[in-house]
Each structure stands twice: as C-alpha cells, then as structure tokens.
Amino acid sequence: MTQLSSDTQKMLDSLRTAVANTLERKRRLGQYAVIWQDGKPVLVGDDAPKKQVDEQGDQNREPH
C-alpha cells in the first residue's frame, strides 16, 4: 500500500471521524442513513424505507 503524506493522513482521519460522528448522530436521532455496500446504495436504520433504492427502478429517473 502507498504511504500517505502526513497532511494527507490527517485529512483522511478527519473525514473518517466526521463520517463516524454523523452516522452516530443519525443513529441516536433515529434517522436512517444511505451507505454504499457491495457496489450498491443500502438504507440502514430503524426508520429506513422497506423498499431499497435499487428496487425502485427507473420510475424516478429522468432520461438523459
């Protein structure tokens, strides 16, 4: 693995901390979160909609 510079490592650590804090806050508030897992978006949390994002099909997407 490539060695990161000190500044780059500090930035990466800061971003990881921010994400962890945000996900923890959403969990405490009872809000769901959308995360990326196995190449797909996944809704996690007690109040997450039952129908997953990838199951909704193209009905909400605009043609390009």
PDB file of N, CA and C in Angstrom:
ATOM      1  N   MET A   1       0.845  -1.180   0.000  1.00  0.00           N
ATOM      2  CA  MET A   1       0.000   0.000   0.000  1.00  0.00           C
ATOM      3  C   MET A   1       0.887   1.240   0.000  1.00  0.00           C
ATOM      4  N   THR A   2       0.448   2.278  -0.675  1.00  0.00           N
ATOM      5  CA  THR A   2       1.216   3.503  -0.777  1.00  0.00           C
ATOM      6  C   THR A   2       1.187   4.268   0.537  1.00  0.00           C
ATOM      7  N   GLN A   3       2.339   4.778   0.942  1.00  0.00           N
ATOM      8  CA  GLN A   3       2.438   5.573   2.167  1.00  0.00           C
ATOM      9  C   GLN A   3       1.888   6.974   1.889  1.00  0.00           C
ATOM     10  N   LEU A   4       0.987   7.449   2.723  1.00  0.00           N
ATOM     11  CA  LEU A   4       0.397   8.772   2.568  1.00  0.00           C
ATOM     12  C   LEU A   4       1.247   9.804   3.288  1.00  0.00           C
ATOM     13  N   SER A   5       1.231  11.019   2.760  1.00  0.00           N
ATOM     14  CA  SER A   5       1.942  12.091   3.446  1.00  0.00           C
ATOM     15  C   SER A   5       1.237  12.389   4.765  1.00  0.00           C
ATOM     16  N   SER A   6       1.920  13.049   5.655  1.00  0.00           N
ATOM     17  CA  SER A   6       1.371  13.383   6.970  1.00  0.00           C
ATOM     18  C   SER A   6       0.098  14.214   6.845  1.00  0.00           C
ATOM     19  N   ASP A   7       0.128  15.223   5.962  1.00  0.00           N
ATOM     20  CA  ASP A   7      -1.053  16.072   5.772  1.00  0.00           C
ATOM     21  C   ASP A   7      -2.228  15.286   5.198  1.00  0.00           C
ATOM     22  N   THR A   8      -1.943  14.426   4.226  1.00  0.00           N
ATOM     23  CA  THR A   8      -2.993  13.616   3.616  1.00  0.00           C
ATOM     24  C   THR A   8      -3.603  12.670   4.645  1.00  0.00           C
ATOM     25  N   GLN A   9      -2.780  12.057   5.481  1.00  0.00           N
ATOM     26  CA  GLN A   9      -3.281  11.153   6.513  1.00  0.00           C
ATOM     27  C   GLN A   9      -4.155  11.893   7.513  1.00  0.00           C
ATOM     28  N   LYS A  10      -3.764  13.116   7.876  1.00  0.00           N
ATOM     29  CA  LYS A  10      -4.573  13.923   8.804  1.00  0.00           C
ATOM     30  C   LYS A  10      -5.934  14.249   8.192  1.00  0.00           C
ATOM     31  N   MET A  11      -5.952  14.575   6.892  1.00  0.00           N
ATOM     32  CA  MET A  11      -7.217  14.878   6.216  1.00  0.00           C
ATOM     33  C   MET A  11      -8.111  13.646   6.165  1.00  0.00           C
ATOM     34  N   LEU A  12      -7.530  12.500   5.829  1.00  0.00           N
ATOM     35  CA  LEU A  12      -8.288  11.260   5.765  1.00  0.00           C
ATOM     36  C   LEU A  12      -8.850  10.901   7.136  1.00  0.00           C
ATOM     37  N   ASP A  13      -8.046  11.026   8.174  1.00  0.00           N
ATOM     38  CA  ASP A  13      -8.514  10.757   9.541  1.00  0.00           C
ATOM     39  C   ASP A  13      -9.653  11.690   9.929  1.00  0.00           C
ATOM     40  N   SER A  14      -9.532  12.946   9.540  1.00  0.00           N
ATOM     41  CA  SER A  14     -10.566  13.933   9.844  1.00  0.00           C
ATOM     42  C   SER A  14     -11.880  13.589   9.144  1.00  0.00           C
ATOM     43  N   LEU A  15     -11.804  13.184   7.888  1.00  0.00           N
ATOM     44  CA  LEU A  15     -13.008  12.798   7.151  1.00  0.00           C
ATOM     45  C   LEU A  15     -13.649  11.547   7.748  1.00  0.00           C
ATOM     46  N   ARG A  16     -12.836  10.574   8.132  1.00  0.00           N
ATOM     47  CA  ARG A  16     -13.378   9.361   8.744  1.00  0.00           C
ATOM     48  C   ARG A  16     -14.070   9.674  10.065  1.00  0.00           C
ATOM     49  N   THR A  17     -13.477  10.553  10.843  1.00  0.00           N
ATOM     50  CA  THR A  17     -14.088  10.959  12.116  1.00  0.00           C
ATOM     51  C   THR A  17     -15.411  11.681  11.885  1.00  0.00           C
ATOM     52  N   ALA A  18     -15.444  12.576  10.894  1.00  0.00           N
ATOM     53  CA  ALA A  18     -16.672  13.309  10.583  1.00  0.00           C
ATOM     54  C   ALA A  18     -17.790  12.363  10.154  1.00  0.00           C
ATOM     55  N   VAL A  19     -17.468  11.390   9.319  1.00  0.00           N
ATOM     56  CA  VAL A  19     -18.475  10.425   8.868  1.00  0.00           C
ATOM     57  C   VAL A  19     -18.965   9.580  10.035  1.00  0.00           C
ATOM     58  N   ALA A  20     -18.052   9.087  10.859  1.00  0.00           N
ATOM     59  CA  ALA A  20     -18.443   8.277  12.015  1.00  0.00           C
ATOM     60  C   ALA A  20     -19.334   9.072  12.967  1.00  0.00           C
ATOM     61  N   ASN A  21     -18.989  10.323  13.217  1.00  0.00           N
ATOM     62  CA  ASN A  21     -19.798  11.169  14.106  1.00  0.00           C
ATOM     63  C   ASN A  21     -21.183  11.426  13.515  1.00  0.00           C
ATOM     64  N   THR A  22     -21.244  11.655  12.210  1.00  0.00           N
ATOM     65  CA  THR A  22     -22.527  11.911  11.557  1.00  0.00           C
ATOM     66  C   THR A  22     -23.414  10.672  11.591  1.00  0.00           C
ATOM     67  N   LEU A  23     -22.853   9.513  11.300  1.00  0.00           N
ATOM     68  CA  LEU A  23     -23.644   8.281  11.350  1.00  0.00           C
ATOM     69  C   LEU A  23     -24.121   7.982  12.774  1.00  0.00           C
ATOM     70  N   GLU A  24     -23.278   8.233  13.755  1.00  0.00           N
ATOM     71  CA  GLU A  24     -23.680   8.026  15.151  1.00  0.00           C
ATOM     72  C   GLU A  24     -24.804   8.995  15.538  1.00  0.00           C
ATOM     73  N   ARG A  25     -24.700  10.226  15.111  1.00  0.00           N
ATOM     74  CA  ARG A  25     -25.742  11.224  15.412  1.00  0.00           C
ATOM     75  C   ARG A  25     -27.069  10.808  14.790  1.00  0.00           C
ATOM     76  N   LYS A  26     -27.037  10.371  13.521  1.00  0.00           N
ATOM     77  CA  LYS A  26     -28.259   9.920  12.857  1.00  0.00           C
ATOM     78  C   LYS A  26     -28.852   8.712  13.588  1.00  0.00           C
ATOM     79  N   ARG A  27     -27.993   7.811  14.052  1.00  0.00           N
ATOM     80  CA  ARG A  27     -28.480   6.642  14.789  1.00  0.00           C
ATOM     81  C   ARG A  27     -29.180   7.068  16.068  1.00  0.00           C
ATOM     82  N   ARG A  28     -28.560   7.997  16.815  1.00  0.00           N
ATOM     83  CA  ARG A  28     -29.150   8.463  18.079  1.00  0.00           C
ATOM     84  C   ARG A  28     -30.476   9.183  17.851  1.00  0.00           C
ATOM     85  N   LEU A  29     -30.590   9.894  16.728  1.00  0.00           N
ATOM     86  CA  LEU A  29     -31.815  10.623  16.409  1.00  0.00           C
ATOM     87  C   LEU A  29     -32.885   9.717  15.799  1.00  0.00           C
ATOM     88  N   GLY A  30     -32.528   8.475  15.514  1.00  0.00           N
ATOM     89  CA  GLY A  30     -33.489   7.551  14.916  1.00  0.00           C
ATOM     90  C   GLY A  30     -33.672   7.761  13.431  1.00  0.00           C
ATOM     91  N   GLN A  31     -32.695   8.351  12.784  1.00  0.00           N
ATOM     92  CA  GLN A  31     -32.775   8.600  11.347  1.00  0.00           C
ATOM     93  C   GLN A  31     -31.996   7.526  10.597  1.00  0.00           C
ATOM     94  N   TYR A  32     -32.500   7.185   9.419  1.00  0.00           N
ATOM     95  CA  TYR A  32     -31.762   6.201   8.625  1.00  0.00           C
ATOM     96  C   TYR A  32     -30.659   6.889   7.832  1.00  0.00           C
ATOM     97  N   ALA A  33     -29.735   6.105   7.331  1.00  0.00           N
ATOM     98  CA  ALA A  33     -28.634   6.613   6.524  1.00  0.00           C
ATOM     99  C   ALA A  33     -28.540   5.770   5.255  1.00  0.00           C
ATOM    100  N   VAL A  34     -28.010   6.365   4.215  1.00  0.00           N
ATOM    101  CA  VAL A  34     -27.754   5.653   2.971  1.00  0.00           C
ATOM    102  C   VAL A  34     -26.248   5.467   2.869  1.00  0.00           C
ATOM    103  N   ILE A  35     -25.815   4.213   2.787  1.00  0.00           N
ATOM    104  CA  ILE A  35     -24.391   3.922   2.684  1.00  0.00           C
ATOM    105  C   ILE A  35     -24.155   3.097   1.425  1.00  0.00           C
ATOM    106  N   TRP A  36     -22.917   3.029   0.988  1.00  0.00           N
ATOM    107  CA  TRP A  36     -22.539   2.245  -0.174  1.00  0.00           C
ATOM    108  C   TRP A  36     -22.004   0.910   0.308  1.00  0.00           C
ATOM    109  N   GLN A  37     -22.581  -0.193  -0.201  1.00  0.00           N
ATOM    110  CA  GLN A  37     -22.172  -1.524   0.240  1.00  0.00           C
ATOM    111  C   GLN A  37     -22.258  -2.483  -0.942  1.00  0.00           C
ATOM    112  N   ASP A  38     -21.174  -3.161  -1.213  1.00  0.00           N
ATOM    113  CA  ASP A  38     -21.114  -4.129  -2.314  1.00  0.00           C
ATOM    114  C   ASP A  38     -21.525  -3.507  -3.652  1.00  0.00           C
ATOM    115  N   GLY A  39     -21.131  -2.260  -3.872  1.00  0.00           N
ATOM    116  CA  GLY A  39     -21.408  -1.597  -5.140  1.00  0.00           C
ATOM    117  C   GLY A  39     -22.819  -1.076  -5.301  1.00  0.00           C
ATOM    118  N   LYS A  40     -23.598  -1.053  -4.216  1.00  0.00           N
ATOM    119  CA  LYS A  40     -24.985  -0.583  -4.279  1.00  0.00           C
ATOM    120  C   LYS A  40     -25.300   0.284  -3.066  1.00  0.00           C
ATOM    121  N   PRO A  41     -26.207   1.252  -3.220  1.00  0.00           N
ATOM    122  CA  PRO A  41     -26.650   2.020  -2.045  1.00  0.00           C
ATOM    123  C   PRO A  41     -27.546   1.150  -1.165  1.00  0.00           C
ATOM    124  N   VAL A  42     -27.361   1.259   0.144  1.00  0.00           N
ATOM    125  CA  VAL A  42     -28.136   0.479   1.107  1.00  0.00           C
ATOM    126  C   VAL A  42     -28.688   1.434   2.158  1.00  0.00           C
ATOM    127  N   LEU A  43     -29.963   1.280   2.470  1.00  0.00           N
ATOM    128  CA  LEU A  43     -30.607   2.093   3.503  1.00  0.00           C
ATOM    129  C   LEU A  43     -30.489   1.354   4.820  1.00  0.00           C
ATOM    130  N   VAL A  44     -29.897   1.999   5.826  1.00  0.00           N
ATOM    131  CA  VAL A  44     -29.725   1.366   7.129  1.00  0.00           C
ATOM    132  C   VAL A  44     -30.343   2.234   8.216  1.00  0.00           C
ATOM    133  N   GLY A  45     -30.926   1.591   9.206  1.00  0.00           N
ATOM    134  CA  GLY A  45     -31.533   2.289  10.325  1.00  0.00           C
ATOM    135  C   GLY A  45     -32.944   1.789  10.563  1.00  0.00           C
ATOM    136  N   ASP A  46     -33.434   2.033  11.763  1.00  0.00           N
ATOM    137  CA  ASP A  46     -34.763   1.542  12.138  1.00  0.00           C
ATOM    138  C   ASP A  46     -35.882   2.135  11.296  1.00  0.00           C
ATOM    139  N   ASP A  47     -35.740   3.391  10.865  1.00  0.00           N
ATOM    140  CA  ASP A  47     -36.809   4.031  10.100  1.00  0.00           C
ATOM    141  C   ASP A  47     -36.561   4.018   8.593  1.00  0.00           C
ATOM    142  N   ALA A  48     -35.622   3.208   8.137  1.00  0.00           N
ATOM    143  CA  ALA A  48     -35.311   3.132   6.709  1.00  0.00           C
ATOM    144  C   ALA A  48     -36.525   2.606   5.950  1.00  0.00           C
ATOM    145  N   PRO A  49     -36.818   3.193   4.797  1.00  0.00           N
ATOM    146  CA  PRO A  49     -37.923   2.672   3.983  1.00  0.00           C
ATOM    147  C   PRO A  49     -37.671   1.209   3.653  1.00  0.00           C
ATOM    148  N   LYS A  50     -38.724   0.431   3.592  1.00  0.00           N
ATOM    149  CA  LYS A  50     -38.592  -1.002   3.330  1.00  0.00           C
ATOM    150  C   LYS A  50     -38.146  -1.275   1.898  1.00  0.00           C
ATOM    151  N   LYS A  51     -38.563  -0.428   0.961  1.00  0.00           N
ATOM    152  CA  LYS A  51     -38.202  -0.604  -0.435  1.00  0.00           C
ATOM    153  C   LYS A  51     -36.839   0.029  -0.664  1.00  0.00           C
ATOM    154  N   GLN A  52     -35.848  -0.771  -1.034  1.00  0.00           N
ATOM    155  CA  GLN A  52     -34.481  -0.292  -1.238  1.00  0.00           C
ATOM    156  C   GLN A  52     -34.400   0.577  -2.489  1.00  0.00           C
ATOM    157  N   VAL A  53     -33.400   1.438  -2.528  1.00  0.00           N
ATOM    158  CA  VAL A  53     -33.201   2.373  -3.633  1.00  0.00           C
ATOM    159  C   VAL A  53     -33.105   1.641  -4.959  1.00  0.00           C
ATOM    160  N   ASP A  54     -32.339   0.559  -5.039  1.00  0.00           N
ATOM    161  CA  ASP A  54     -32.142  -0.134  -6.302  1.00  0.00           C
ATOM    162  C   ASP A  54     -33.380  -0.910  -6.746  1.00  0.00           C
ATOM    163  N   GLU A  55     -34.362  -1.085  -5.857  1.00  0.00           N
ATOM    164  CA  GLU A  55     -35.587  -1.787  -6.198  1.00  0.00           C
ATOM    165  C   GLU A  55     -36.650  -0.860  -6.773  1.00  0.00           C
ATOM    166  N   GLN A  56     -36.433   0.445  -6.713  1.00  0.00           N
ATOM    167  CA  GLN A  56     -37.433   1.396  -7.165  1.00  0.00           C
ATOM    168  C   GLN A  56     -37.495   1.497  -8.680  1.00  0.00           C
ATOM    169  N   GLY A  57     -36.486   1.004  -9.350  1.00  0.00           N
ATOM    170  CA  GLY A  57     -36.498   1.028 -10.805  1.00  0.00           C
ATOM    171  C   GLY A  57     -36.216   2.408 -11.348  1.00  0.00           C
ATOM    172  N   ASP A  58     -36.587   2.619 -12.583  1.00  0.00           N
ATOM    173  CA  ASP A  58     -36.297   3.868 -13.275  1.00  0.00           C
ATOM    174  C   ASP A  58     -37.450   4.863 -13.205  1.00  0.00           C
ATOM    175  N   GLN A  59     -38.446   4.635 -12.397  1.00  0.00           N
ATOM    176  CA  GLN A  59     -39.615   5.491 -12.379  1.00  0.00           C
ATOM    177  C   GLN A  59     -39.316   6.923 -11.915  1.00  0.00           C
ATOM    178  N   ASN A  60     -38.299   7.122 -11.092  1.00  0.00           N
ATOM    179  CA  ASN A  60     -37.987   8.459 -10.586  1.00  0.00           C
ATOM    180  C   ASN A  60     -36.809   9.096 -11.317  1.00  0.00           C
ATOM    181  N   ARG A  61     -36.261   8.434 -12.303  1.00  0.00           N
ATOM    182  CA  ARG A  61     -35.095   8.943 -13.012  1.00  0.00           C
ATOM    183  C   ARG A  61     -35.517   9.609 -14.311  1.00  0.00           C
ATOM    184  N   GLU A  62     -34.849  10.688 -14.644  1.00  0.00           N
ATOM    185  CA  GLU A  62     -35.113  11.371 -15.891  1.00  0.00           C
ATOM    186  C   GLU A  62     -34.206  10.825 -16.978  1.00  0.00           C
ATOM    187  N   PRO A  63     -34.695  10.716 -18.200  1.00  0.00           N
ATOM    188  CA  PRO A  63     -33.851  10.228 -19.296  1.00  0.00           C
ATOM    189  C   PRO A  63     -32.770  11.250 -19.613  1.00  0.00           C
ATOM    190  N   HIS A  64     -31.616  10.770 -20.067  1.00  0.00           N
ATOM    191  CA  HIS A  64     -30.518  11.668 -20.429  1.00  0.00           C
ATOM    192  C   HIS A  64     -30.367  11.767 -21.914  1.00  0.00           C
TER     193      HIS A  64
END
